[in-house]
Amino acid sequence: MKTNELSTCFITKNVDNCRDFYERHFAAKAIFDCGWYVNLRIAGNGPSIQFMQPKKGLPEFNGKGIMLNFQVDDVDAEYARLMEAGLQTAMPLENHPWGDRGFSVTDPAGNSVYIYSDREPSDDFKQYFKI
């Protein structure tokens, strides 16, 4: 199978709040928006994420068990920017032995949004990298 793009759609009653959150904090732009469904492109030509109002036969997302990962060049700058914007961390900014420095916030649908920059992993974790 040749896949041109992989994206995620969350079924939530918080479509408007999610649209606003990603537009305000992650430079997202709506590339399709009919009110009950929005397709957002992250930062220019980045990945897309969708949010849709609940419809018959589709269960509403419960906000558990999903983490969206955003790799950035400067996690400290992103942390400062988002804290200044008034967001609260779900996980504090810290270095991790598996090879990143990161933190997380929570979006209006309940997703954990993990923002990180790569770092040199500890010797204990280097063995797990396959590349």
C-alpha atoms as a PDB file:
ATOM      1  CA  MET A   1       0.000   0.000   0.000  1.00  0.00           C
ATOM      2  CA  LYS A   2       1.320   3.423  -0.919  1.00  0.00           C
ATOM      3  CA  THR A   3       0.161   5.963   1.671  1.00  0.00           C
ATOM      4  CA  ASN A   4       0.347   9.637   0.805  1.00  0.00           C
ATOM      5  CA  GLU A   5      -0.710  10.921   4.211  1.00  0.00           C
ATOM      6  CA  LEU A   6      -1.793   9.546   7.557  1.00  0.00           C
ATOM      7  CA  SER A   7      -3.985  11.714   9.764  1.00  0.00           C
ATOM      8  CA  THR A   8      -6.198  11.306  12.791  1.00  0.00           C
ATOM      9  CA  CYS A   9      -9.812  12.373  13.236  1.00  0.00           C
ATOM     10  CA  PHE A  10     -11.223  12.797  16.733  1.00  0.00           C
ATOM     11  CA  ILE A  11     -14.974  12.626  17.254  1.00  0.00           C
ATOM     12  CA  THR A  12     -15.728  15.257  19.873  1.00  0.00           C
ATOM     13  CA  LYS A  13     -18.335  17.808  20.878  1.00  0.00           C
ATOM     14  CA  ASN A  14     -15.436  20.286  21.244  1.00  0.00           C
ATOM     15  CA  VAL A  15     -14.766  20.906  17.532  1.00  0.00           C
ATOM     16  CA  ASP A  16     -14.773  24.715  17.909  1.00  0.00           C
ATOM     17  CA  ASN A  17     -12.481  24.661  20.956  1.00  0.00           C
ATOM     18  CA  CYS A  18     -10.096  22.218  19.272  1.00  0.00           C
ATOM     19  CA  ARG A  19      -9.968  24.361  16.110  1.00  0.00           C
ATOM     20  CA  ASP A  20      -9.173  27.439  18.202  1.00  0.00           C
ATOM     21  CA  PHE A  21      -6.545  25.600  20.291  1.00  0.00           C
ATOM     22  CA  TYR A  22      -4.566  24.314  17.296  1.00  0.00           C
ATOM     23  CA  GLU A  23      -4.891  27.561  15.336  1.00  0.00           C
ATOM     24  CA  ARG A  24      -3.748  29.648  18.303  1.00  0.00           C
ATOM     25  CA  HIS A  25      -0.948  27.447  19.643  1.00  0.00           C
ATOM     26  CA  PHE A  26       0.273  25.309  16.718  1.00  0.00           C
ATOM     27  CA  ALA A  27      -0.058  27.571  13.649  1.00  0.00           C
ATOM     28  CA  ALA A  28      -2.822  25.355  12.216  1.00  0.00           C
ATOM     29  CA  LYS A  29      -4.971  26.525   9.321  1.00  0.00           C
ATOM     30  CA  ALA A  30      -8.337  25.065   8.395  1.00  0.00           C
ATOM     31  CA  ILE A  31      -8.168  23.498   4.937  1.00  0.00           C
ATOM     32  CA  PHE A  32     -11.786  22.319   5.210  1.00  0.00           C
ATOM     33  CA  ASP A  33     -14.331  23.563   7.725  1.00  0.00           C
ATOM     34  CA  CYS A  34     -18.072  22.945   7.527  1.00  0.00           C
ATOM     35  CA  GLY A  35     -18.695  23.630  11.222  1.00  0.00           C
ATOM     36  CA  TRP A  36     -19.306  20.083  12.407  1.00  0.00           C
ATOM     37  CA  TYR A  37     -16.075  18.815  10.776  1.00  0.00           C
ATOM     38  CA  VAL A  38     -12.754  20.597  10.474  1.00  0.00           C
ATOM     39  CA  ASN A  39      -9.511  19.500   8.804  1.00  0.00           C
ATOM     40  CA  LEU A  40      -6.530  21.456  10.130  1.00  0.00           C
ATOM     41  CA  ARG A  41      -3.090  21.616   8.491  1.00  0.00           C
ATOM     42  CA  ILE A  42      -0.338  22.161  11.073  1.00  0.00           C
ATOM     43  CA  ALA A  43       2.247  24.890  10.339  1.00  0.00           C
ATOM     44  CA  GLY A  44       2.052  25.413   6.586  1.00  0.00           C
ATOM     45  CA  ASN A  45       2.513  22.054   4.880  1.00  0.00           C
ATOM     46  CA  GLY A  46       2.774  19.908   8.015  1.00  0.00           C
ATOM     47  CA  PRO A  47       0.556  17.007   9.015  1.00  0.00           C
ATOM     48  CA  SER A  48      -3.187  17.373   9.346  1.00  0.00           C
ATOM     49  CA  ILE A  49      -5.578  16.619  12.177  1.00  0.00           C
ATOM     50  CA  GLN A  50      -9.366  16.477  12.036  1.00  0.00           C
ATOM     51  CA  PHE A  51     -12.165  16.979  14.552  1.00  0.00           C
ATOM     52  CA  MET A  52     -15.769  15.943  13.946  1.00  0.00           C
ATOM     53  CA  GLN A  53     -19.007  16.311  15.903  1.00  0.00           C
ATOM     54  CA  PRO A  54     -20.496  12.963  16.989  1.00  0.00           C
ATOM     55  CA  LYS A  55     -22.713  11.333  14.369  1.00  0.00           C
ATOM     56  CA  LYS A  56     -25.025   8.337  14.619  1.00  0.00           C
ATOM     57  CA  GLY A  57     -23.066   5.117  14.980  1.00  0.00           C
ATOM     58  CA  LEU A  58     -19.722   6.788  15.728  1.00  0.00           C
ATOM     59  CA  PRO A  59     -18.593   6.772  19.359  1.00  0.00           C
ATOM     60  CA  GLU A  60     -17.338  10.010  20.853  1.00  0.00           C
ATOM     61  CA  PHE A  61     -13.633  10.040  21.693  1.00  0.00           C
ATOM     62  CA  ASN A  62     -13.158   9.831  25.458  1.00  0.00           C
ATOM     63  CA  GLY A  63      -9.810  11.637  25.634  1.00  0.00           C
ATOM     64  CA  LYS A  64      -7.829   8.702  27.020  1.00  0.00           C
ATOM     65  CA  GLY A  65      -4.840   6.864  25.687  1.00  0.00           C
ATOM     66  CA  ILE A  66      -3.827   9.213  22.858  1.00  0.00           C
ATOM     67  CA  MET A  67      -0.622  11.239  22.714  1.00  0.00           C
ATOM     68  CA  LEU A  68       0.123  13.532  19.780  1.00  0.00           C
ATOM     69  CA  ASN A  69       3.876  14.065  19.423  1.00  0.00           C
ATOM     70  CA  PHE A  70       5.314  17.274  17.986  1.00  0.00           C
ATOM     71  CA  GLN A  71       9.058  17.232  17.346  1.00  0.00           C
ATOM     72  CA  VAL A  72      10.417  20.786  17.302  1.00  0.00           C
ATOM     73  CA  ASP A  73      13.830  22.407  16.940  1.00  0.00           C
ATOM     74  CA  ASP A  74      13.725  24.281  20.262  1.00  0.00           C
ATOM     75  CA  VAL A  75      11.506  22.732  22.929  1.00  0.00           C
ATOM     76  CA  ASP A  76      12.524  25.347  25.498  1.00  0.00           C
ATOM     77  CA  ALA A  77      11.276  28.158  23.258  1.00  0.00           C
ATOM     78  CA  GLU A  78       7.992  26.308  22.634  1.00  0.00           C
ATOM     79  CA  TYR A  79       7.594  25.699  26.358  1.00  0.00           C
ATOM     80  CA  ALA A  80       8.121  29.406  27.116  1.00  0.00           C
ATOM     81  CA  ARG A  81       5.690  30.422  24.349  1.00  0.00           C
ATOM     82  CA  LEU A  82       2.909  28.087  25.476  1.00  0.00           C
ATOM     83  CA  MET A  83       3.326  28.890  29.169  1.00  0.00           C
ATOM     84  CA  GLU A  84       3.183  32.597  28.348  1.00  0.00           C
ATOM     85  CA  ALA A  85      -0.053  31.883  26.448  1.00  0.00           C
ATOM     86  CA  GLY A  86      -1.513  30.478  29.668  1.00  0.00           C
ATOM     87  CA  LEU A  87      -1.447  26.737  28.997  1.00  0.00           C
ATOM     88  CA  GLN A  88      -0.850  24.345  31.876  1.00  0.00           C
ATOM     89  CA  THR A  89       1.518  21.405  31.588  1.00  0.00           C
ATOM     90  CA  ALA A  90       0.267  17.861  31.972  1.00  0.00           C
ATOM     91  CA  MET A  91       3.892  16.713  32.160  1.00  0.00           C
ATOM     92  CA  PRO A  92       6.705  19.090  33.116  1.00  0.00           C
ATOM     93  CA  LEU A  93       9.568  20.060  30.835  1.00  0.00           C
ATOM     94  CA  GLU A  94      12.402  17.631  31.482  1.00  0.00           C
ATOM     95  CA  ASN A  95      15.214  15.642  29.903  1.00  0.00           C
ATOM     96  CA  HIS A  96      14.477  11.964  29.256  1.00  0.00           C
ATOM     97  CA  PRO A  97      17.088   9.208  29.106  1.00  0.00           C
ATOM     98  CA  TRP A  98      15.577   7.737  25.913  1.00  0.00           C
ATOM     99  CA  GLY A  99      16.858  10.752  23.990  1.00  0.00           C
ATOM    100  CA  ASP A 100      14.599  13.782  24.165  1.00  0.00           C
ATOM    101  CA  ARG A 101      13.680  16.818  26.215  1.00  0.00           C
ATOM    102  CA  GLY A 102       9.952  17.421  26.339  1.00  0.00           C
ATOM    103  CA  PHE A 103       6.717  18.353  28.062  1.00  0.00           C
ATOM    104  CA  SER A 104       3.023  17.901  27.434  1.00  0.00           C
ATOM    105  CA  VAL A 105      -0.182  19.893  27.513  1.00  0.00           C
ATOM    106  CA  THR A 106      -3.769  18.734  27.009  1.00  0.00           C
ATOM    107  CA  ASP A 107      -6.005  19.852  24.141  1.00  0.00           C
ATOM    108  CA  PRO A 108      -9.772  20.524  24.481  1.00  0.00           C
ATOM    109  CA  ALA A 109     -10.633  16.976  23.321  1.00  0.00           C
ATOM    110  CA  GLY A 110      -8.480  15.513  26.097  1.00  0.00           C
ATOM    111  CA  ASN A 111      -5.488  14.514  23.950  1.00  0.00           C
ATOM    112  CA  SER A 112      -2.056  14.666  25.491  1.00  0.00           C
ATOM    113  CA  VAL A 113       0.094  16.882  23.243  1.00  0.00           C
ATOM    114  CA  TYR A 114       3.777  16.037  23.732  1.00  0.00           C
ATOM    115  CA  ILE A 115       6.297  18.600  22.467  1.00  0.00           C
ATOM    116  CA  TYR A 116       9.941  17.592  22.348  1.00  0.00           C
ATOM    117  CA  SER A 117      13.402  18.072  20.886  1.00  0.00           C
ATOM    118  CA  ASP A 118      15.832  15.214  20.350  1.00  0.00           C
ATOM    119  CA  ARG A 119      18.790  14.796  22.677  1.00  0.00           C
ATOM    120  CA  GLU A 120      21.570  12.233  22.960  1.00  0.00           C
ATOM    121  CA  PRO A 121      20.095   9.141  24.644  1.00  0.00           C
ATOM    122  CA  SER A 122      21.725   7.650  27.716  1.00  0.00           C
ATOM    123  CA  ASP A 123      23.912   4.586  27.239  1.00  0.00           C
ATOM    124  CA  ASP A 124      21.095   2.434  28.637  1.00  0.00           C
ATOM    125  CA  PHE A 125      18.793   3.463  25.772  1.00  0.00           C
ATOM    126  CA  LYS A 126      21.231   3.606  22.844  1.00  0.00           C
ATOM    127  CA  GLN A 127      20.894  -0.160  22.330  1.00  0.00           C
ATOM    128  CA  TYR A 128      17.212   0.189  21.411  1.00  0.00           C
ATOM    129  CA  PHE A 129      17.700   2.460  18.396  1.00  0.00           C
ATOM    130  CA  LYS A 130      17.494   0.526  15.128  1.00  0.00           C
ATOM    131  CA  ILE A 131      18.645   3.296  12.817  1.00  0.00           C
END
